[in-house]
N, C-alpha and C. Protein backbone atom coordinates (compact mmCIF):
# COMPACT_ATOMS: atom_id res chain seq x y z
N MET A 1 154.68 83.85 63.99
CA MET A 1 155.19 84.12 65.19
C MET A 1 156.86 84.40 65.23
N LYS A 2 157.10 85.64 65.32
CA LYS A 2 158.03 86.28 65.45
C LYS A 2 158.80 85.72 66.65
N PRO A 3 160.73 85.49 66.13
CA PRO A 3 161.39 84.75 66.79
C PRO A 3 161.52 84.98 68.45
N PHE A 4 161.60 86.31 69.00
CA PHE A 4 162.08 86.56 70.03
C PHE A 4 160.49 86.13 70.42
N ALA A 5 159.87 86.33 69.71
CA ALA A 5 157.70 86.23 70.82
C ALA A 5 157.95 84.38 70.71
N PHE A 6 158.21 84.01 70.17
CA PHE A 6 158.43 81.91 70.49
C PHE A 6 159.35 81.14 71.22
N THR A 7 160.56 82.15 71.41
CA THR A 7 161.78 81.91 72.19
C THR A 7 160.97 82.57 73.42
N LEU A 8 160.26 83.82 73.79
CA LEU A 8 160.04 83.95 75.24
C LEU A 8 158.44 83.07 75.71
N VAL A 9 157.75 82.34 74.06
CA VAL A 9 156.64 81.51 74.71
C VAL A 9 157.40 80.36 75.16
N ALA A 10 157.86 79.37 74.72
CA ALA A 10 159.17 78.46 74.78
C ALA A 10 159.35 78.38 76.38
N ALA A 11 160.01 79.68 77.00
CA ALA A 11 160.69 79.40 78.14
C ALA A 11 159.92 79.73 79.31
N LEU A 12 158.37 80.41 78.77
CA LEU A 12 157.92 80.31 80.33
C LEU A 12 157.30 79.18 80.17
N THR A 13 156.87 78.24 79.21
CA THR A 13 156.23 76.91 78.90
C THR A 13 157.02 76.07 80.10
N ALA A 14 158.67 75.85 79.83
CA ALA A 14 158.94 75.19 80.08
C ALA A 14 159.51 76.16 81.49
N VAL A 15 158.92 77.09 81.96
CA VAL A 15 159.20 77.08 83.53
C VAL A 15 157.43 76.56 83.97
N ALA A 16 156.92 76.83 83.70
CA ALA A 16 155.71 76.08 84.12
C ALA A 16 155.11 74.96 84.48
N CYS A 17 155.91 74.05 83.15
CA CYS A 17 156.13 72.99 82.87
C CYS A 17 156.92 72.20 83.98
N ALA A 18 158.03 72.65 84.18
CA ALA A 18 158.79 72.47 85.49
C ALA A 18 158.64 72.53 86.94
N ALA A 19 157.47 73.62 86.76
CA ALA A 19 156.86 73.81 88.43
C ALA A 19 155.88 72.92 88.87
N CYS A 20 155.22 72.51 87.34
CA CYS A 20 153.89 71.58 87.75
C CYS A 20 154.79 70.30 87.78
N SER A 21 155.12 69.45 87.35
CA SER A 21 156.03 68.61 87.20
C SER A 21 157.15 67.47 88.75
N GLN A 22 156.79 68.78 89.59
CA GLN A 22 157.66 68.09 90.59
C GLN A 22 156.48 67.64 91.87
N GLY A 23 157.33 67.03 92.32
CA GLY A 23 156.41 66.00 93.60
C GLY A 23 156.21 66.70 94.56
N PRO A 24 155.84 66.99 95.33
CA PRO A 24 154.27 67.24 96.26
C PRO A 24 155.62 67.50 97.84
N ASP A 25 157.06 66.49 97.59
CA ASP A 25 157.58 66.79 98.77
C ASP A 25 158.59 67.46 98.50
N GLN A 26 158.62 68.09 96.83
CA GLN A 26 159.56 68.55 97.05
C GLN A 26 159.66 70.24 96.48
N PRO A 27 160.33 70.76 96.51
CA PRO A 27 160.13 72.44 96.94
C PRO A 27 160.36 73.39 95.81
N PRO A 28 159.33 73.74 95.53
CA PRO A 28 159.67 74.75 93.97
C PRO A 28 160.49 75.21 93.93
N GLN A 29 160.52 75.30 92.20
CA GLN A 29 162.03 75.75 92.00
C GLN A 29 161.88 77.20 91.71
N SER A 30 162.66 77.56 91.69
CA SER A 30 162.29 79.67 91.38
C SER A 30 162.48 79.28 89.99
N PRO A 31 161.94 81.02 89.86
CA PRO A 31 161.80 80.94 87.99
C PRO A 31 163.30 81.26 87.85
N THR A 32 163.66 81.36 86.49
CA THR A 32 164.96 81.81 85.95
C THR A 32 165.28 83.18 86.14
N PRO A 33 165.69 84.14 86.84
CA PRO A 33 166.70 85.07 86.50
C PRO A 33 165.89 86.00 85.23
N ALA A 34 166.02 85.39 84.24
CA ALA A 34 165.47 86.32 83.20
C ALA A 34 164.06 86.09 83.06
N VAL A 35 163.58 85.83 83.47
CA VAL A 35 161.68 85.21 83.87
C VAL A 35 161.30 86.33 85.04
N ALA A 36 161.78 85.95 86.30
CA ALA A 36 161.22 86.91 86.99
C ALA A 36 161.91 88.28 86.90
N ALA A 37 162.79 88.67 86.13
CA ALA A 37 162.75 89.69 85.76
C ALA A 37 161.83 90.92 84.97
N THR A 38 161.35 90.12 84.18
CA THR A 38 160.03 90.33 83.15
C THR A 38 158.92 90.86 84.27
N VAL A 39 158.77 90.17 85.29
CA VAL A 39 157.64 90.12 85.42
C VAL A 39 157.66 91.34 87.55
N ALA A 40 158.80 91.79 87.30
CA ALA A 40 159.01 91.97 88.26
C ALA A 40 158.45 94.36 88.31
N VAL A 41 158.29 94.23 89.57
CA VAL A 41 157.41 95.79 90.17
C VAL A 41 158.07 96.53 90.55
N ASP A 42 158.37 97.47 90.35
CA ASP A 42 159.14 98.75 91.36
C ASP A 42 157.97 99.27 91.80
N THR A 43 157.81 99.25 92.92
CA THR A 43 156.52 99.67 93.76
C THR A 43 157.29 100.65 94.89
N SER A 44 158.75 101.21 94.58
CA SER A 44 159.11 102.06 95.70
C SER A 44 158.91 102.98 95.70
N GLU A 45 158.50 103.83 94.58
CA GLU A 45 158.77 105.45 94.73
C GLU A 45 156.77 105.36 93.88
N ARG A 46 156.33 106.69 94.28
CA ARG A 46 155.12 106.53 94.50
C ARG A 46 155.18 107.45 92.81
N PRO A 47 154.10 107.81 92.09
CA PRO A 47 154.49 108.60 90.94
C PRO A 47 154.25 109.87 91.70
N ALA A 48 154.04 110.96 90.48
CA ALA A 48 154.38 112.62 91.16
C ALA A 48 154.19 113.12 89.73
N VAL A 49 153.84 114.33 90.65
CA VAL A 49 154.03 115.88 89.58
C VAL A 49 155.42 115.79 89.25
N ASP A 50 155.80 116.11 87.81
CA ASP A 50 156.75 116.12 86.88
C ASP A 50 157.16 117.86 87.50
N THR A 51 157.91 117.83 86.89
CA THR A 51 159.24 119.28 87.02
C THR A 51 158.27 120.56 86.63
N ALA A 52 157.93 120.69 85.83
CA ALA A 52 157.22 121.28 84.44
C ALA A 52 155.55 121.70 86.10
N GLY A 53 155.08 120.93 87.04
CA GLY A 53 154.02 120.71 87.96
C GLY A 53 153.00 119.76 86.66
N VAL A 54 153.42 119.18 85.92
CA VAL A 54 152.23 118.37 85.49
C VAL A 54 151.98 117.16 85.98
N ALA A 55 150.55 117.43 86.57
CA ALA A 55 149.87 115.83 87.35
C ALA A 55 149.83 114.82 86.20
N HIS A 56 150.57 113.80 85.79
CA HIS A 56 150.51 112.45 85.08
C HIS A 56 149.14 111.59 84.98
N ALA A 57 148.31 111.54 83.86
CA ALA A 57 146.95 110.57 83.90
C ALA A 57 147.41 109.51 85.01
N ASN A 58 146.28 109.65 85.71
CA ASN A 58 145.91 108.10 86.99
C ASN A 58 147.07 108.62 88.14
N ALA A 59 148.09 109.33 87.97
CA ALA A 59 149.36 108.81 89.24
C ALA A 59 148.53 110.03 90.03
N LEU A 60 149.02 109.64 91.21
CA LEU A 60 149.07 109.66 92.38
C LEU A 60 150.10 111.33 93.28
N TYR A 61 149.56 112.15 93.92
CA TYR A 61 150.73 113.17 94.10
C TYR A 61 150.26 112.94 95.18
N TYR A 62 150.78 114.09 96.24
CA TYR A 62 150.62 114.56 97.50
C TYR A 62 151.16 115.75 98.32
N PHE A 63 150.81 115.94 99.48
CA PHE A 63 151.31 117.39 99.46
C PHE A 63 153.02 118.24 99.39
N ASP A 64 153.10 117.07 99.92
CA ASP A 64 155.26 117.41 99.26
C ASP A 64 155.49 117.19 97.78
N ASP A 65 154.68 116.84 97.02
CA ASP A 65 154.87 116.73 95.78
C ASP A 65 154.27 118.42 95.38
N LEU A 66 153.23 118.69 95.80
CA LEU A 66 152.57 120.06 95.59
C LEU A 66 153.84 121.13 95.83
N LEU A 67 154.06 120.84 97.35
CA LEU A 67 155.69 121.68 97.47
C LEU A 67 156.89 121.61 97.05
N LYS A 68 157.26 121.33 96.15
CA LYS A 68 157.87 121.08 95.00
C LYS A 68 157.48 121.65 93.62
N ARG A 69 156.92 121.92 93.62
CA ARG A 69 156.05 122.97 92.27
C ARG A 69 156.76 124.58 92.78
N SER A 70 157.18 125.03 91.96
CA SER A 70 157.68 126.63 92.38
C SER A 70 156.31 127.28 92.70
N ASP A 71 154.90 127.51 91.88
CA ASP A 71 154.01 128.12 91.89
C ASP A 71 153.09 127.57 93.19
N PHE A 72 153.75 126.83 93.93
CA PHE A 72 152.50 126.00 94.51
C PHE A 72 153.21 126.38 96.29
N SER A 73 154.80 126.14 96.06
CA SER A 73 155.48 126.57 97.01
C SER A 73 155.57 128.30 97.44
N LYS A 74 155.24 128.97 96.31
CA LYS A 74 155.52 130.36 96.50
C LYS A 74 154.38 130.74 97.30
N ALA A 75 153.50 130.38 96.63
CA ALA A 75 151.80 130.23 97.42
C ALA A 75 151.86 130.29 98.47
N PHE A 76 152.46 129.09 98.52
CA PHE A 76 151.97 128.61 100.60
C PHE A 76 153.08 129.05 101.13
N ALA A 77 154.57 129.67 101.02
CA ALA A 77 154.87 130.85 101.23
C ALA A 77 154.51 131.93 101.70
N SER A 78 153.93 132.42 100.90
CA SER A 78 153.14 133.27 101.01
C SER A 78 151.99 133.72 102.22
N LEU A 79 151.34 132.15 102.44
CA LEU A 79 150.94 132.64 103.34
C LEU A 79 150.93 133.30 103.98
N SER A 80 149.93 134.36 105.32
CA SER A 80 150.74 134.92 106.35
C SER A 80 150.36 133.34 107.94
N GLY A 81 151.09 133.20 108.54
CA GLY A 81 151.25 132.33 109.33
C GLY A 81 151.96 130.94 109.18
N VAL A 82 152.53 130.59 107.89
CA VAL A 82 153.14 129.99 107.59
C VAL A 82 154.13 129.48 108.55
N ALA A 83 154.64 130.10 108.83
CA ALA A 83 156.37 130.34 109.44
C ALA A 83 156.08 129.84 111.00
N ALA A 84 154.91 130.03 111.72
CA ALA A 84 154.74 129.77 112.65
C ALA A 84 154.13 128.23 112.83
N LEU A 85 153.99 127.61 111.53
CA LEU A 85 153.37 126.08 111.80
C LEU A 85 154.41 125.26 111.77
N PRO A 86 154.06 124.59 112.70
CA PRO A 86 155.70 123.51 113.01
C PRO A 86 155.66 123.13 111.36
N VAL A 87 157.01 122.36 111.97
CA VAL A 87 158.13 121.88 109.74
C VAL A 87 157.58 121.10 109.41
N TRP A 88 156.71 120.01 110.28
CA TRP A 88 156.29 119.20 109.39
C TRP A 88 155.23 119.03 108.85
N ALA A 89 154.40 120.13 108.82
CA ALA A 89 153.36 121.16 108.14
C ALA A 89 153.98 121.65 106.64
N ARG A 90 155.02 122.60 106.80
CA ARG A 90 156.08 123.10 105.63
C ARG A 90 156.75 122.19 105.28
N GLN A 91 156.39 121.32 105.42
CA GLN A 91 157.29 120.36 104.58
C GLN A 91 156.35 118.44 104.08
N GLY A 92 155.21 118.73 104.36
CA GLY A 92 154.53 117.98 104.21
C GLY A 92 153.82 116.93 104.61
N GLY A 93 154.69 116.61 106.00
CA GLY A 93 153.53 115.54 106.84
C GLY A 93 153.24 114.10 106.34
N THR A 94 152.90 113.92 106.79
CA THR A 94 152.10 112.27 106.29
C THR A 94 150.57 112.80 105.68
N ALA A 95 150.71 112.08 104.25
CA ALA A 95 149.51 113.12 103.54
C ALA A 95 148.61 111.53 102.91
N THR A 96 148.11 112.01 102.30
CA THR A 96 147.11 111.33 101.79
C THR A 96 147.50 111.86 100.09
N PRO A 97 146.07 111.38 98.86
CA PRO A 97 146.25 111.57 97.92
C PRO A 97 145.93 113.28 97.30
N VAL A 98 146.18 114.05 96.76
CA VAL A 98 145.47 115.11 96.98
C VAL A 98 144.49 115.20 95.45
N GLN A 99 143.54 115.97 96.23
CA GLN A 99 142.27 115.83 95.06
C GLN A 99 142.11 116.65 94.90
N THR A 100 140.95 116.25 93.45
CA THR A 100 140.37 117.81 92.94
C THR A 100 139.05 117.81 92.97
N VAL A 101 138.43 119.22 93.69
CA VAL A 101 137.32 119.18 94.60
C VAL A 101 136.83 120.69 93.72
N GLN A 102 135.52 120.43 93.76
CA GLN A 102 135.07 121.75 93.20
C GLN A 102 134.40 123.09 94.50
N VAL A 103 134.53 123.87 94.05
CA VAL A 103 134.79 124.99 94.77
C VAL A 103 134.24 126.12 94.13
N GLU A 104 133.15 126.78 94.50
CA GLU A 104 132.67 127.88 93.91
C GLU A 104 132.94 128.00 92.17
N GLY A 105 132.53 127.38 91.75
CA GLY A 105 132.23 126.80 90.33
C GLY A 105 133.54 126.63 89.63
N LYS A 106 134.87 125.87 90.59
CA LYS A 106 136.27 126.68 90.08
C LYS A 106 136.61 124.78 90.28
N SER A 107 137.59 124.58 89.91
CA SER A 107 138.14 123.07 90.23
C SER A 107 139.25 123.10 90.81
N MET A 108 139.79 122.83 92.07
CA MET A 108 141.20 123.32 92.97
C MET A 108 141.43 122.33 93.61
N LEU A 109 142.81 121.78 93.95
CA LEU A 109 143.37 120.73 94.65
C LEU A 109 143.19 121.05 95.56
N LEU A 110 142.64 119.67 96.50
CA LEU A 110 143.13 120.03 98.22
C LEU A 110 143.76 118.70 98.71
N ALA A 111 145.15 119.15 99.50
CA ALA A 111 145.92 118.55 99.85
C ALA A 111 145.68 118.50 101.15
N ALA A 112 145.74 116.97 101.80
CA ALA A 112 145.38 116.77 103.33
C ALA A 112 146.97 116.25 103.70
N ALA A 113 147.26 116.80 105.31
CA ALA A 113 148.75 116.35 105.88
C ALA A 113 148.52 115.89 106.94
N CYS A 114 149.05 115.05 108.02
CA CYS A 114 149.11 115.24 109.27
C CYS A 114 150.39 114.97 110.12
N LYS A 115 150.55 115.16 111.58
CA LYS A 115 152.00 115.34 112.40
C LYS A 115 152.23 113.66 111.92
N PRO A 116 153.57 113.14 111.80
CA PRO A 116 153.81 111.42 111.50
C PRO A 116 153.52 111.17 113.46
N HIS A 117 153.36 110.23 112.66
CA HIS A 117 152.54 109.38 114.46
C HIS A 117 151.65 109.92 115.63
N ASP A 118 151.23 111.24 114.59
CA ASP A 118 149.70 111.80 115.97
C ASP A 118 149.08 112.14 115.05
N CYS A 119 148.25 111.49 113.73
CA CYS A 119 147.61 112.36 112.85
C CYS A 119 146.50 112.99 113.56
N PRO A 120 145.44 112.30 114.94
CA PRO A 120 144.65 113.28 115.54
C PRO A 120 145.14 114.28 115.89
N ALA A 121 146.08 114.49 116.60
CA ALA A 121 147.24 115.97 117.47
C ALA A 121 147.03 117.00 116.26
N GLU A 122 147.66 116.77 115.20
CA GLU A 122 147.48 118.14 114.09
C GLU A 122 147.60 117.28 112.55
N ARG A 123 146.64 118.46 112.14
CA ARG A 123 146.40 118.82 110.83
C ARG A 123 146.49 119.82 109.93
N ILE A 124 146.51 120.00 108.98
CA ILE A 124 146.88 120.44 108.05
C ILE A 124 146.04 120.26 106.72
N LEU A 125 144.56 121.30 106.32
CA LEU A 125 144.38 120.76 104.68
C LEU A 125 144.74 122.51 103.72
N VAL A 126 145.17 121.83 102.88
CA VAL A 126 145.63 123.65 101.78
C VAL A 126 144.18 123.06 100.34
N LEU A 127 144.00 124.22 99.97
CA LEU A 127 143.60 124.21 99.15
C LEU A 127 143.93 125.28 97.67
N TYR A 128 144.07 124.45 96.93
CA TYR A 128 144.59 125.91 95.35
C TYR A 128 144.46 125.79 95.04
N ASP A 129 143.96 126.90 93.60
CA ASP A 129 143.42 127.18 92.90
C ASP A 129 144.92 127.35 91.72
N GLU A 130 145.32 126.56 90.90
CA GLU A 130 146.34 126.23 90.02
C GLU A 130 145.98 127.82 89.10
N HIS A 131 144.71 128.14 88.78
CA HIS A 131 144.54 129.11 87.62
C HIS A 131 145.22 130.39 88.49
N SER A 132 144.71 130.33 89.01
CA SER A 132 144.69 132.16 90.24
C SER A 132 145.88 132.09 91.37
N GLN A 133 146.22 130.65 91.20
CA GLN A 133 147.35 130.98 91.66
C GLN A 133 147.19 131.36 93.48
N SER A 134 145.86 131.06 93.91
CA SER A 134 145.49 131.36 95.44
C SER A 134 145.29 130.16 95.92
N ILE A 135 145.65 130.57 97.54
CA ILE A 135 145.73 129.06 98.38
C ILE A 135 145.26 129.67 99.57
N TRP A 136 144.53 128.65 100.32
CA TRP A 136 144.29 129.26 101.72
C TRP A 136 143.70 127.84 102.77
N ALA A 137 144.98 127.95 103.67
CA ALA A 137 144.52 126.19 104.59
C ALA A 137 143.67 126.92 106.07
N VAL A 138 143.67 125.50 106.03
CA VAL A 138 143.45 125.48 107.66
C VAL A 138 144.41 124.37 108.45
N PHE A 139 145.06 125.16 110.22
CA PHE A 139 145.42 124.38 110.60
C PHE A 139 144.95 123.31 111.55
N ALA A 140 144.80 122.75 112.09
CA ALA A 140 143.69 122.23 113.39
C ALA A 140 144.53 121.29 114.44
N HIS A 141 145.15 121.88 115.43
CA HIS A 141 145.67 120.75 116.43
C HIS A 141 144.69 121.10 117.78
N HIS A 142 145.03 120.24 118.68
CA HIS A 142 144.14 119.62 120.10
C HIS A 142 145.18 120.26 121.11
N PRO A 143 144.71 121.51 122.01
CA PRO A 143 145.28 122.18 123.39
C PRO A 143 145.50 121.35 124.11
N GLN A 144 146.93 121.63 124.80
CA GLN A 144 147.50 121.02 125.79
C GLN A 144 146.20 121.83 126.49
N GLY A 145 146.40 120.89 128.00
CA GLY A 145 146.12 120.96 129.72
C GLY A 145 144.15 120.64 129.33
N LEU A 146 143.66 119.72 129.15
CA LEU A 146 142.73 119.54 128.47
C LEU A 146 141.76 118.97 129.74
N SER A 147 140.57 118.48 130.65
CA SER A 147 140.51 117.86 131.85
C SER A 147 140.12 116.63 131.40
N PRO A 148 140.84 115.70 132.34
CA PRO A 148 140.97 114.43 131.84
C PRO A 148 139.76 113.69 131.67
N ALA A 149 138.31 113.95 131.54
CA ALA A 149 137.49 113.84 131.22
C ALA A 149 137.17 114.16 129.92
N THR A 150 137.81 115.26 129.26
CA THR A 150 137.88 115.72 127.64
C THR A 150 138.62 114.45 127.03
N ASN A 151 137.54 113.86 125.65
CA ASN A 151 138.40 113.59 124.69
C ASN A 151 139.78 114.21 124.12
N PRO A 152 141.11 113.97 124.22
CA PRO A 152 141.76 115.24 123.12
C PRO A 152 141.63 115.08 121.84
N TYR A 153 140.96 113.66 121.64
CA TYR A 153 141.23 113.31 119.79
C TYR A 153 139.75 114.01 119.16
N ASP A 154 139.03 114.60 120.15
CA ASP A 154 137.13 115.14 119.80
C ASP A 154 137.62 116.02 118.72
N PRO A 155 137.69 116.33 117.10
CA PRO A 155 137.72 117.76 116.70
C PRO A 155 136.71 118.53 116.85
N ALA A 156 135.95 118.69 118.09
CA ALA A 156 135.08 119.40 118.59
C ALA A 156 135.99 120.53 119.45
N ASN A 157 137.03 119.69 119.94
CA ASN A 157 138.37 120.54 120.96
C ASN A 157 139.69 121.31 119.79
N ASP A 158 139.16 120.92 118.80
CA ASP A 158 140.25 121.65 117.68
C ASP A 158 140.61 123.15 117.92
N GLN A 159 141.88 123.49 117.78
CA GLN A 159 142.02 124.66 118.01
C GLN A 159 142.18 125.33 116.57
N LEU A 160 141.45 125.84 115.77
CA LEU A 160 141.98 126.38 114.25
C LEU A 160 142.66 127.34 114.37
N THR A 161 143.49 127.40 113.58
CA THR A 161 144.04 128.26 112.26
C THR A 161 143.63 128.46 111.07
N TRP A 162 143.44 129.82 110.27
CA TRP A 162 143.09 129.92 108.94
C TRP A 162 144.04 130.54 108.67
N LEU A 163 144.24 130.29 107.34
CA LEU A 163 145.47 131.22 106.63
C LEU A 163 144.80 131.21 105.38
N GLY A 164 145.27 132.41 105.11
CA GLY A 164 144.79 132.73 103.37
C GLY A 164 143.09 133.79 103.06
N ALA A 165 142.97 133.73 104.45
CA ALA A 165 141.51 134.91 104.47
C ALA A 165 140.53 133.76 103.40
N PRO A 166 139.96 132.79 103.81
CA PRO A 166 139.63 132.01 102.62
C PRO A 166 137.41 132.17 102.94
N SER A 167 136.65 132.19 101.80
CA SER A 167 136.00 132.90 102.37
C SER A 167 134.93 132.02 102.88
N ASP A 168 133.52 132.17 103.18
CA ASP A 168 132.87 131.13 103.74
C ASP A 168 132.83 129.96 103.26
N ASP A 169 132.62 129.37 101.78
CA ASP A 169 132.54 128.50 101.24
C ASP A 169 133.76 127.97 101.61
N ILE A 170 134.61 128.15 101.27
CA ILE A 170 136.04 128.18 101.22
C ILE A 170 136.19 127.02 102.65
N LYS A 171 135.93 128.27 103.78
CA LYS A 171 135.65 127.82 105.08
C LYS A 171 135.16 126.61 105.72
N GLN A 172 134.12 126.32 104.73
CA GLN A 172 133.13 125.28 105.09
C GLN A 172 133.43 123.62 104.44
N LEU A 173 134.15 124.37 103.25
CA LEU A 173 134.72 123.11 102.81
C LEU A 173 136.01 122.33 103.69
N LEU A 174 136.43 123.35 103.63
CA LEU A 174 137.82 123.43 104.54
C LEU A 174 137.45 122.25 105.81
N GLN A 175 136.20 122.84 106.43
CA GLN A 175 136.29 122.13 107.81
C GLN A 175 135.21 121.00 108.23
N GLU A 176 134.38 120.97 106.52
CA GLU A 176 133.86 119.47 106.47
C GLU A 176 134.90 118.78 106.18
N LYS A 177 136.02 118.88 105.17
CA LYS A 177 136.64 117.96 104.78
C LYS A 177 137.90 117.51 106.12
N LEU A 178 138.11 118.69 107.15
CA LEU A 178 139.31 118.70 108.37
C LEU A 178 138.00 117.23 109.29
N ASN A 179 137.19 117.27 109.38
CA ASN A 179 136.11 116.18 109.68
C ASN A 179 136.09 115.47 109.50
N SER A 180 136.34 114.87 108.38
CA SER A 180 135.70 113.52 107.41
C SER A 180 136.85 112.25 108.10
N PRO A 181 135.69 111.39 107.96
CA PRO A 181 136.44 110.56 108.40
C PRO A 181 137.77 109.88 107.20
N GLU A 182 137.57 110.56 105.36
CA GLU A 182 138.37 110.15 105.11
C GLU A 182 139.90 109.96 104.87
């Protein structure tokens, strides 16, 4: 056994023995800082797409991560009507991880986001074909002034704004995903 590995095993064994040998009315001692540092995991930052736009294996990325990619941000900004969207929708909002979906025989990215602190009121779904850099989106929001008997969060009451002239297949996919509980 190498000296470093032996030292590490001996230190871990000493910490474990010290924890087991304490009486029931003694508070547990915290491990030494060196041991704590070896098992600490930083979960404060989520994995993202790198600056070249490459998603790392098993990494989750979100709508705001896609907006940082030059190819995606240019395609998104070129959509007619994007300037009229709320600021949160142009910056990423509260998002779920990007999904890869099959549409018309092609693999595409589907990004979903909603208005922070009021997801049922405003939502956006964006479908992006990385190969052709084509992009389509639907923005859904609930209209103001519904009668009191109407459920304001019923998706049937959504006003939809289509961006990018999607085909019927793409519209169907976006509408299904918009109304799914995922």
